[in-house]
Protein backbone atom coordinates (compact mmCIF):
# COMPACT_ATOMS: atom_id res chain seq x y z
CA MET A 1 -125.92 -93.57 -59.65
CA ALA A 2 -128.10 -95.23 -62.89
CA ALA A 3 -127.04 -94.47 -66.23
CA ARG A 4 -128.87 -91.40 -67.89
CA PRO A 5 -132.29 -92.13 -68.95
CA LYS A 6 -133.47 -91.91 -72.47
CA PRO A 7 -137.57 -91.43 -73.60
CA ARG A 8 -139.54 -94.29 -74.83
CA SER A 9 -139.17 -94.53 -78.42
CA GLY A 10 -141.72 -95.10 -81.08
CA ALA A 11 -139.46 -94.50 -83.97
CA THR A 12 -135.73 -94.90 -85.08
CA ALA A 13 -133.61 -93.02 -82.67
CA PRO A 14 -133.83 -89.24 -84.36
CA LEU A 15 -130.52 -87.44 -85.01
CA THR A 16 -131.74 -84.75 -82.24
CA LEU A 17 -130.58 -87.51 -79.64
CA LEU A 18 -127.18 -85.76 -80.33
CA GLY A 19 -126.01 -82.70 -78.46
CA ALA A 20 -126.83 -79.11 -80.38
CA VAL A 21 -123.10 -78.56 -80.61
CA GLU A 22 -122.47 -81.65 -82.76
CA LEU A 23 -125.43 -81.03 -84.98
CA ARG A 24 -124.16 -77.14 -85.26
CA ASP A 25 -120.80 -78.52 -86.28
CA ARG A 26 -122.40 -80.76 -88.99
CA LEU A 27 -124.71 -78.04 -90.22
CA ALA A 28 -121.86 -75.76 -90.70
CA SER A 29 -119.43 -78.30 -92.23
CA GLY A 30 -122.62 -79.26 -95.23
CA ALA A 31 -122.20 -82.99 -93.54
CA LEU A 32 -125.82 -82.35 -92.63
CA GLY A 33 -128.21 -80.16 -94.52
CA ALA A 34 -130.86 -78.13 -92.70
CA LEU A 35 -133.47 -79.66 -94.56
CA GLU A 36 -132.21 -83.41 -93.42
CA LEU A 37 -132.18 -82.44 -90.05
CA VAL A 38 -135.83 -80.78 -90.24
CA GLU A 39 -137.26 -84.07 -91.84
CA ASP A 40 -135.71 -85.85 -89.31
CA CYS A 41 -137.52 -83.72 -86.44
CA ILE A 42 -140.76 -83.76 -88.25
CA ALA A 43 -141.03 -87.47 -88.69
CA ARG A 44 -140.09 -87.80 -84.81
CA ILE A 45 -142.76 -85.12 -83.92
CA GLU A 46 -145.44 -87.13 -86.03
CA ALA A 47 -144.42 -90.74 -84.71
CA ARG A 48 -144.95 -89.39 -81.01
CA GLU A 49 -147.19 -86.26 -80.77
CA ALA A 50 -149.91 -87.79 -80.44
CA GLU A 51 -148.41 -89.06 -77.03
CA VAL A 52 -146.44 -86.50 -76.25
CA ARG A 53 -148.42 -83.36 -77.27
CA ALA A 54 -145.60 -81.00 -76.93
CA TRP A 55 -146.67 -78.68 -79.30
CA ALA A 56 -149.55 -75.60 -79.61
CA TRP A 57 -148.91 -74.70 -82.99
CA PHE A 58 -146.53 -76.66 -85.56
CA ASP A 59 -146.39 -76.48 -89.30
CA PRO A 60 -144.16 -78.82 -91.07
CA ASP A 61 -144.33 -77.02 -94.16
CA HIS A 62 -143.42 -73.89 -93.02
CA ALA A 63 -139.97 -75.66 -91.10
CA ARG A 64 -139.24 -77.20 -94.31
CA ALA A 65 -139.47 -74.05 -96.04
CA GLN A 66 -137.43 -72.14 -93.51
CA ALA A 67 -134.78 -75.18 -94.02
CA ARG A 68 -134.47 -74.95 -97.93
CA ALA A 69 -133.61 -70.57 -97.32
CA LEU A 70 -131.07 -71.79 -94.87
CA ASP A 71 -129.49 -74.41 -97.03
CA ALA A 72 -129.80 -71.71 -99.90
CA HIS A 73 -128.14 -69.36 -98.00
CA ARG A 74 -125.12 -71.56 -96.85
CA LEU A 75 -124.61 -72.67 -100.56
CA SER A 76 -124.31 -69.09 -101.82
CA GLY A 77 -121.19 -68.89 -99.53
CA ARG A 78 -122.24 -65.81 -97.63
CA PRO A 79 -121.38 -66.31 -93.50
CA ILE A 80 -123.78 -68.23 -91.32
CA GLY A 81 -124.74 -67.71 -88.05
CA PRO A 82 -123.82 -69.39 -84.71
CA LEU A 83 -126.82 -71.79 -84.60
CA HIS A 84 -127.26 -72.12 -88.35
CA GLY A 85 -129.94 -74.60 -89.19
CA LEU A 86 -130.85 -75.68 -85.76
CA PRO A 87 -134.48 -76.08 -85.00
CA VAL A 88 -135.84 -74.56 -81.82
CA GLY A 89 -139.40 -74.83 -80.09
CA LEU A 90 -140.82 -71.73 -78.43
CA LYS A 91 -142.65 -71.63 -75.44
CA ASP A 92 -146.30 -70.28 -76.19
CA ILE A 93 -145.85 -67.06 -74.41
CA ILE A 94 -143.19 -66.04 -76.49
CA ASP A 95 -144.53 -63.40 -79.26
CA THR A 96 -143.97 -64.76 -83.02
CA ALA A 97 -144.91 -62.46 -86.05
CA ARG A 98 -147.62 -64.23 -87.97
CA ILE A 99 -147.73 -67.14 -85.46
CA PRO A 100 -150.07 -67.70 -83.09
CA THR A 101 -149.25 -67.01 -79.47
CA GLU A 102 -152.18 -67.86 -77.27
CA ASN A 103 -150.62 -68.16 -73.77
CA GLY A 104 -151.80 -71.53 -73.15
CA CYS A 105 -155.19 -69.56 -71.78
CA ALA A 106 -158.45 -69.76 -73.82
CA LEU A 107 -159.11 -66.32 -73.42
CA ASP A 108 -156.22 -65.42 -75.84
CA ALA A 109 -157.39 -68.47 -78.59
CA GLY A 110 -156.89 -67.15 -81.88
CA ARG A 111 -154.23 -64.14 -80.83
CA VAL A 112 -151.60 -63.44 -83.18
CA PRO A 113 -148.81 -61.39 -82.73
CA SER A 114 -147.30 -58.77 -85.18
CA ARG A 115 -144.02 -58.40 -84.26
CA ASP A 116 -141.60 -61.05 -82.95
CA ALA A 117 -140.27 -61.42 -79.26
CA PHE A 118 -136.65 -59.90 -78.48
CA VAL A 119 -135.44 -63.52 -78.25
CA VAL A 120 -137.15 -64.45 -81.99
CA GLU A 121 -135.33 -61.63 -83.39
CA ARG A 122 -131.95 -62.84 -81.81
CA LEU A 123 -132.61 -66.55 -83.18
CA LYS A 124 -133.54 -65.53 -86.75
CA ALA A 125 -130.33 -63.68 -86.87
CA ALA A 126 -128.23 -66.34 -85.54
CA GLY A 127 -130.01 -68.35 -88.17
CA ALA A 128 -131.80 -70.52 -86.01
CA LEU A 129 -134.77 -72.21 -87.39
CA ILE A 130 -138.20 -71.54 -85.46
CA MET A 131 -140.08 -75.12 -85.43
CA GLY A 132 -143.20 -74.20 -83.79
CA LYS A 133 -144.56 -72.91 -80.38
CA THR A 134 -144.37 -75.56 -77.45
CA VAL A 135 -147.04 -76.11 -75.08
CA THR A 136 -147.24 -74.04 -71.82
CA THR A 137 -149.34 -74.11 -68.69
CA GLU A 138 -151.93 -71.39 -68.51
CA LEU A 139 -150.47 -68.27 -68.46
CA ALA A 140 -147.47 -70.04 -67.62
CA PHE A 141 -148.69 -70.43 -63.87
CA MET A 142 -149.69 -73.75 -62.24
CA HIS A 143 -152.68 -75.25 -64.33
CA PRO A 144 -151.58 -78.09 -66.64
CA GLY A 145 -151.41 -78.10 -70.20
CA LYS A 146 -151.86 -80.75 -72.36
CA THR A 147 -148.47 -82.15 -72.49
CA ARG A 148 -147.16 -85.59 -71.05
CA ASN A 149 -144.07 -86.78 -69.59
CA PRO A 150 -141.85 -88.27 -72.45
CA HIS A 151 -140.56 -91.29 -69.80
CA ASP A 152 -144.12 -92.00 -68.97
CA PRO A 153 -146.95 -90.39 -70.20
CA SER A 154 -149.02 -91.27 -66.97
CA ARG A 155 -146.99 -88.36 -65.35
CA THR A 156 -146.40 -84.60 -65.40
CA PRO A 157 -143.58 -83.40 -67.50
CA GLY A 158 -143.52 -80.48 -64.82
CA GLY A 159 -144.63 -76.76 -65.80
CA SER A 160 -144.51 -74.20 -66.80
CA SER A 161 -142.09 -74.88 -69.69
CA SER A 162 -143.85 -77.85 -70.34
CA GLY A 163 -143.81 -78.78 -74.03
CA SER A 164 -140.60 -76.95 -74.37
CA ALA A 165 -138.65 -79.34 -71.75
CA ALA A 166 -140.69 -82.73 -73.22
CA ALA A 167 -140.03 -81.85 -77.10
CA VAL A 168 -136.16 -81.55 -76.09
CA ALA A 169 -136.27 -84.76 -74.21
CA ASP A 170 -138.03 -86.74 -76.89
CA GLY A 171 -135.91 -85.78 -79.42
CA MET A 172 -138.46 -83.82 -81.75
CA ILE A 173 -136.14 -80.94 -81.50
CA PRO A 174 -132.38 -80.21 -80.26
CA LEU A 175 -133.08 -76.80 -78.12
CA ALA A 176 -136.04 -75.02 -77.25
CA VAL A 177 -136.59 -71.52 -75.17
CA GLY A 178 -138.75 -71.45 -72.01
CA THR A 179 -139.02 -68.71 -68.85
CA GLN A 180 -139.27 -69.26 -65.19
CA THR A 181 -140.69 -67.26 -62.38
CA GLY A 182 -140.77 -70.00 -60.03
CA GLY A 183 -139.50 -73.26 -61.13
CA SER A 184 -140.59 -73.26 -64.75
CA VAL A 185 -137.37 -73.98 -66.26
CA ILE A 186 -135.53 -76.40 -63.98
CA ARG A 187 -138.01 -78.36 -62.77
CA PRO A 188 -139.39 -79.76 -66.10
CA ALA A 189 -136.05 -80.08 -67.11
CA SER A 190 -135.49 -82.38 -64.40
CA PHE A 191 -138.67 -84.37 -64.78
CA CYS A 192 -138.27 -85.07 -68.32
CA GLY A 193 -134.47 -85.56 -68.24
CA VAL A 194 -132.62 -82.73 -70.03
CA THR A 195 -130.39 -79.68 -69.39
CA GLY A 196 -132.52 -76.83 -68.27
CA PHE A 197 -130.64 -73.28 -67.78
CA LYS A 198 -131.92 -70.40 -66.15
CA PRO A 199 -129.38 -67.55 -66.24
CA THR A 200 -128.84 -64.43 -64.01
CA PHE A 201 -132.02 -62.32 -63.86
CA GLY A 202 -131.74 -59.55 -66.67
CA ALA A 203 -129.37 -61.64 -69.02
CA ILE A 204 -132.15 -61.99 -71.72
CA PRO A 205 -134.36 -59.08 -72.32
CA ARG A 206 -138.11 -60.22 -72.10
CA ARG A 207 -139.50 -57.92 -74.43
CA GLY A 208 -142.53 -59.71 -76.44
CA ILE A 209 -142.96 -62.56 -73.85
CA LEU A 210 -146.17 -62.56 -71.51
CA THR A 211 -145.25 -60.80 -68.31
CA GLN A 212 -146.32 -62.71 -65.17
CA SER A 213 -143.79 -60.93 -62.54
CA PRO A 214 -141.17 -58.69 -64.06
CA THR A 215 -139.53 -58.88 -60.73
CA LEU A 216 -138.88 -62.35 -61.14
CA ASP A 217 -139.69 -63.69 -64.85
CA THR A 218 -136.32 -64.95 -66.47
CA VAL A 219 -136.02 -66.36 -69.92
CA GLY A 220 -134.31 -69.73 -69.80
CA VAL A 221 -133.30 -72.68 -72.32
CA PHE A 222 -133.52 -76.25 -72.83
CA ALA A 223 -130.88 -78.87 -74.36
CA ARG A 224 -129.49 -82.39 -73.95
CA ASP A 225 -126.23 -81.11 -72.26
CA PRO A 226 -124.67 -78.05 -70.77
CA ALA A 227 -122.77 -77.04 -73.90
CA GLY A 228 -126.19 -76.91 -75.87
CA ALA A 229 -127.59 -74.82 -73.36
CA ALA A 230 -124.52 -72.34 -73.37
CA LEU A 231 -124.70 -72.27 -77.11
CA ILE A 232 -128.30 -70.84 -77.83
CA ALA A 233 -128.43 -68.68 -74.52
CA GLU A 234 -125.11 -66.84 -75.72
CA VAL A 235 -127.05 -65.89 -78.70
CA LEU A 236 -129.81 -64.35 -76.49
CA TYR A 237 -128.09 -62.24 -73.98
CA GLY A 238 -127.71 -58.79 -74.70
CA HIS A 239 -129.83 -55.55 -73.51
CA ASP A 240 -133.18 -54.05 -74.88
CA GLU A 241 -134.20 -50.40 -73.77
CA ALA A 242 -137.55 -51.67 -73.43
CA ASP A 243 -136.53 -54.32 -70.41
CA SER A 244 -135.25 -52.34 -67.66
CA ALA A 245 -133.76 -55.33 -66.03
CA THR A 246 -131.18 -55.94 -68.83
CA ALA A 247 -127.93 -53.25 -69.01
CA PRO A 248 -125.68 -52.56 -71.59
CA ALA A 249 -122.71 -55.12 -71.21
CA PRO A 250 -120.99 -57.37 -73.82
CA ALA A 251 -122.44 -60.81 -73.87
CA PRO A 252 -120.30 -63.45 -72.30
CA ARG A 253 -118.42 -66.32 -74.11
CA LEU A 254 -120.54 -68.90 -72.74
CA LEU A 255 -119.87 -71.68 -75.07
CA ASP A 256 -116.16 -71.07 -74.79
CA ILE A 257 -116.26 -70.98 -71.14
CA ALA A 258 -118.55 -73.78 -70.56
CA ARG A 259 -116.22 -75.99 -72.73
CA SER A 260 -113.06 -74.95 -71.43
CA LYS A 261 -111.13 -76.82 -69.10
CA PRO A 262 -111.60 -75.52 -65.30
CA PRO A 263 -108.17 -74.42 -63.82
CA LEU A 264 -109.39 -76.94 -60.84
CA GLU A 265 -111.50 -79.52 -60.62
CA PRO A 266 -114.75 -77.97 -59.38
CA VAL A 267 -115.86 -77.75 -56.09
CA PHE A 268 -119.54 -78.01 -54.42
CA ALA A 269 -121.70 -76.97 -51.84
CA PHE A 270 -124.35 -79.07 -50.72
CA VAL A 271 -127.18 -77.74 -49.11
CA ARG A 272 -130.40 -79.01 -48.02
CA THR A 273 -132.47 -76.14 -48.74
CA PRO A 274 -135.90 -75.05 -46.86
CA GLY A 275 -138.18 -78.11 -47.65
CA TRP A 276 -135.51 -80.83 -48.11
CA ASP A 277 -137.83 -82.74 -45.66
CA VAL A 278 -140.30 -82.96 -48.65
CA ALA A 279 -138.01 -84.73 -51.08
CA ASP A 280 -138.58 -88.66 -51.42
CA PRO A 281 -136.35 -91.02 -49.77
CA GLU A 282 -134.74 -92.15 -52.79
CA THR A 283 -134.06 -88.74 -54.22
CA ARG A 284 -132.36 -88.16 -50.41
CA ALA A 285 -130.50 -91.45 -51.02
CA ALA A 286 -129.08 -90.56 -54.38
CA PHE A 287 -127.85 -86.93 -53.49
CA GLN A 288 -126.09 -88.81 -50.30
CA GLU A 289 -124.58 -91.16 -52.96
CA LEU A 290 -123.42 -88.28 -55.39
CA ARG A 291 -121.94 -86.59 -52.32
CA ASP A 292 -119.82 -89.97 -51.40
CA GLN A 293 -118.86 -90.31 -55.09
CA LEU A 294 -117.59 -86.82 -55.59
CA GLY A 295 -115.84 -87.07 -52.23
CA ASP A 296 -113.49 -84.00 -51.38
CA ARG A 297 -114.85 -82.34 -54.29
CA MET A 298 -118.14 -81.77 -52.34
CA PHE A 299 -118.61 -79.93 -48.79
CA GLU A 300 -121.88 -79.40 -46.71
CA VAL A 301 -123.03 -76.24 -45.82
CA ASP A 302 -126.18 -74.76 -44.21
CA LEU A 303 -127.93 -71.79 -45.82
CA PRO A 304 -128.60 -68.59 -43.27
CA ALA A 305 -131.69 -69.05 -41.35
CA ILE A 306 -133.30 -66.05 -43.15
CA PHE A 307 -133.97 -68.47 -46.22
CA ASP A 308 -136.55 -69.95 -44.44
CA ARG A 309 -139.13 -67.37 -45.27
CA ALA A 310 -137.65 -67.10 -49.29
CA GLY A 311 -140.22 -68.91 -50.54
CA GLU A 312 -143.41 -67.13 -48.65
CA LEU A 313 -141.55 -64.18 -50.17
CA ARG A 314 -141.27 -64.91 -53.40
CA GLN A 315 -144.75 -66.00 -53.59
CA ARG A 316 -146.08 -62.43 -52.25
CA ILE A 317 -144.22 -61.02 -55.04
CA ASN A 318 -145.16 -63.33 -57.66
CA PHE A 319 -148.80 -63.07 -56.80
CA ALA A 320 -149.11 -59.33 -56.48
CA GLU A 321 -147.68 -58.54 -59.47
CA MET A 322 -150.02 -61.34 -61.11
CA ALA A 323 -152.92 -59.45 -59.63
CA ARG A 324 -151.40 -56.43 -61.54
CA TYR A 325 -150.16 -57.90 -65.03
CA TYR A 326 -153.02 -60.53 -65.37
CA HIS A 327 -155.85 -57.65 -64.18
CA ARG A 328 -157.50 -58.15 -67.85
CA TYR A 329 -158.05 -61.73 -67.65
CA TRP A 330 -159.50 -61.52 -63.89
CA ARG A 331 -161.84 -58.75 -65.43
CA ASP A 332 -163.00 -60.47 -68.11
CA GLY A 333 -162.80 -64.13 -67.91
CA ARG A 334 -162.32 -65.07 -64.27
CA ASP A 335 -164.33 -68.22 -64.55
CA ARG A 336 -162.64 -69.56 -67.41
CA LEU A 337 -159.53 -69.56 -65.66
CA GLY A 338 -157.98 -72.67 -63.71
CA GLU A 339 -158.19 -73.02 -60.32
CA PRO A 340 -154.64 -72.54 -59.37
CA THR A 341 -154.77 -69.22 -61.22
CA ARG A 342 -157.96 -67.87 -59.94
CA LYS A 343 -156.58 -68.89 -56.32
CA ALA A 344 -152.92 -66.92 -56.81
CA LEU A 345 -154.97 -63.87 -58.47
CA GLU A 346 -157.22 -63.54 -55.48
CA GLU A 347 -154.43 -63.67 -53.17
CA GLY A 348 -152.64 -61.48 -54.92
CA ASN A 349 -155.31 -58.95 -55.20
CA ALA A 350 -155.54 -58.98 -51.34
CA THR A 351 -152.08 -58.45 -50.72
CA LEU A 352 -150.97 -55.47 -48.96
CA ALA A 353 -148.69 -52.79 -50.50
CA CYS A 354 -146.40 -52.31 -47.42
CA ASP A 355 -146.33 -56.13 -47.52
CA TYR A 356 -145.33 -56.39 -50.83
CA LEU A 357 -142.62 -53.49 -50.86
CA MET A 358 -140.92 -55.05 -47.69
CA ALA A 359 -140.89 -58.49 -49.85
CA LEU A 360 -138.86 -56.40 -52.59
CA ASP A 361 -136.01 -55.46 -50.52
CA TRP A 362 -134.93 -59.33 -49.63
CA PRO A 363 -133.06 -60.53 -52.78
CA ALA A 364 -130.05 -58.38 -51.57
CA VAL A 365 -130.12 -59.77 -48.11
CA LEU A 366 -130.51 -62.85 -49.31
CA ASN A 367 -127.66 -62.54 -51.87
CA SER A 368 -125.53 -61.11 -49.33
CA GLY A 369 -126.07 -64.38 -47.32
CA LEU A 370 -124.87 -66.67 -50.11
CA GLU A 371 -121.65 -64.61 -50.49
CA GLU A 372 -119.56 -66.81 -47.92
CA ILE A 373 -120.45 -69.65 -49.51
CA PHE A 374 -119.84 -68.93 -53.14
CA GLU A 375 -116.07 -67.88 -51.68
CA ARG A 376 -115.50 -71.65 -50.73
CA CYS A 377 -117.15 -73.14 -54.07
CA ASP A 378 -117.65 -73.47 -57.75
CA ALA A 379 -121.56 -74.07 -57.18
CA ILE A 380 -124.39 -74.68 -54.76
CA LEU A 381 -125.49 -78.23 -55.32
CA CYS A 382 -129.02 -79.60 -54.47
CA PRO A 383 -132.24 -80.96 -56.02
CA SER A 384 -133.79 -79.84 -59.09
CA ALA A 385 -136.99 -81.36 -57.63
CA PRO A 386 -138.08 -83.40 -54.42
CA GLY A 387 -138.13 -86.65 -56.72
CA PRO A 388 -138.89 -87.69 -60.36
CA ALA A 389 -141.73 -86.60 -62.34
CA PRO A 390 -144.77 -87.77 -59.69
CA ASP A 391 -147.42 -89.62 -61.41
CA GLY A 392 -150.88 -88.24 -62.35
CA LEU A 393 -151.36 -85.44 -64.77
CA GLU A 394 -153.43 -82.55 -62.35
CA SER A 395 -149.92 -80.87 -60.91
CA THR A 396 -146.90 -79.68 -62.51
CA GLY A 397 -144.80 -80.87 -59.24
CA ASN A 398 -143.76 -78.90 -56.42
CA PRO A 399 -141.39 -76.08 -57.21
CA ILE A 400 -139.89 -75.66 -53.69
CA PHE A 401 -136.45 -76.39 -54.66
CA ASN A 402 -136.48 -73.93 -57.58
CA GLY A 403 -138.27 -70.57 -56.00
CA ILE A 404 -135.47 -69.22 -53.70
CA TRP A 405 -132.82 -69.02 -56.43
CA THR A 406 -135.25 -67.30 -58.78
CA PHE A 407 -135.90 -65.05 -55.75
CA CYS A 408 -132.00 -64.19 -55.72
CA GLY A 409 -132.14 -63.75 -59.52
CA THR A 410 -129.18 -66.19 -59.03
CA PRO A 411 -128.32 -68.61 -62.52
CA ALA A 412 -129.24 -72.45 -61.82
CA VAL A 413 -129.05 -75.14 -64.13
CA SER A 414 -130.21 -78.79 -63.90
CA VAL A 415 -128.30 -81.41 -65.28
CA PRO A 416 -129.60 -84.92 -65.67
CA ILE A 417 -127.19 -87.23 -63.95
CA LEU A 418 -129.39 -89.49 -61.82
CA THR A 419 -131.91 -91.87 -62.44
CA ALA A 420 -134.76 -93.26 -59.96
CA SER A 421 -135.05 -96.94 -59.77
CA SER A 422 -138.38 -96.56 -61.95
CA GLY A 423 -136.20 -95.39 -65.01
CA LEU A 424 -137.74 -91.74 -64.31
CA PRO A 425 -134.59 -89.17 -64.42
CA ILE A 426 -133.79 -86.76 -61.16
CA GLY A 427 -132.11 -83.66 -61.88
CA VAL A 428 -129.20 -82.16 -60.12
CA GLN A 429 -129.25 -78.50 -59.53
CA LEU A 430 -126.45 -76.40 -59.60
CA VAL A 431 -126.40 -72.54 -58.45
CA GLY A 432 -123.96 -70.06 -59.09
CA PRO A 433 -123.14 -66.43 -58.08
CA ARG A 434 -125.13 -63.51 -60.20
CA ALA A 435 -123.50 -62.76 -63.20
CA ASP A 436 -121.25 -65.68 -62.95
CA ASP A 437 -123.00 -67.53 -65.67
CA GLY A 438 -120.12 -68.94 -67.67
CA ARG A 439 -118.29 -70.49 -64.73
CA LEU A 440 -121.63 -71.97 -63.55
CA LEU A 441 -122.05 -73.86 -66.97
CA ARG A 442 -118.53 -75.14 -67.25
CA SER A 443 -119.44 -76.29 -63.89
CA ALA A 444 -122.38 -78.14 -64.66
CA ARG A 445 -120.41 -79.48 -68.17
CA TRP A 446 -117.85 -80.84 -65.91
CA LEU A 447 -120.13 -82.43 -63.92
CA TYR A 448 -122.40 -84.08 -66.80
CA ASP A 449 -118.88 -85.47 -68.05
CA TRP A 450 -117.65 -86.86 -64.75
CA ALA A 451 -121.48 -88.75 -64.30
CA ASP A 452 -120.98 -90.20 -67.51
CA SER A 453 -117.43 -91.55 -66.82
CA GLN A 454 -118.70 -93.08 -63.44
């Protein structure tokens, strides 16, 4: 395995190339001021945004005003929040009061919400600084936005949380929030070389976020490392009566668990998920090398045959619910939508109710098939994507290794520990049992540190 890649640089290395937990500690101790960190982020954005194009909305003066207020709050001696002073980017389908949220769609140009989404309320209460809105693909689907891969601007950053992944990877911000309905957190994290974490379905409320498929839509986060992902995710977990997927329960102490020493070194189950033949030869070779190096900490297992239909059934639900929740876009401006969005809506409109309802029964069946595997391992291990970011900008890449886990509602995390011969990152995806998110992040942190030591 090669060393972890770094994005192309056009300026002095930013502070945000440090982990979010280290930045949090510096901010809390006063060794670093919020304004100092924000100025570093602004300088990086100004130096690199023309190439990376990660931002849908960014106002440096607004960022500075928040930073000054946070610095004054700390100097007052009042308690500070767990994300005090940390800049966060928000995918532009997440409502922000008095700040544009245009959903990556020409039909929503000029849209300005009057209320913050649940996750924005949580971030502000925790002392985070809202840096701006990051680019999304059109309506968080497959039609690409303007963002480029920070490692090679001729390649896709993935999608649909493209700007969130690219901004963290390039050191513009330490943390970002995205969403995943198929592979929209894990795949861009892999292509851009950062940690992307998709929690258990229903862990983070979705009020105030564009609804594409309520059966599948999941809020996720980006950070440089698993500890940073745990830090921000912990703040966002909760219950909201407006989101029936959530349930009243105490939030897990994700950061403490992620940073704790495992009672035993983790054991991983390597699976060749449906579509393994799509993985490029270099990715297959990299995973074989990883298996050899992990030795008896990794064993190979086959998924039950029922998983062969999981991708098809997930897509059926996704497209049918898109047709329902995106009806106004179809009715009022279908000719202004990108071809991938139009095709998905056409297919969703043609889906029979009996076929849709049958597909809804499958996650429970699939998770039953995973129980025996999870009894033998800490996490399933598989690729985050078929290979490094593909050349060209007309596609966001293939989500074939992601959709089944979104369908199951299991937590998943992409860890940036492999590198192609081209220098581009290749993510390793870990998948855990539902509601065992802390243990999954602990295994991810262990693997991240282990890879650094090799």
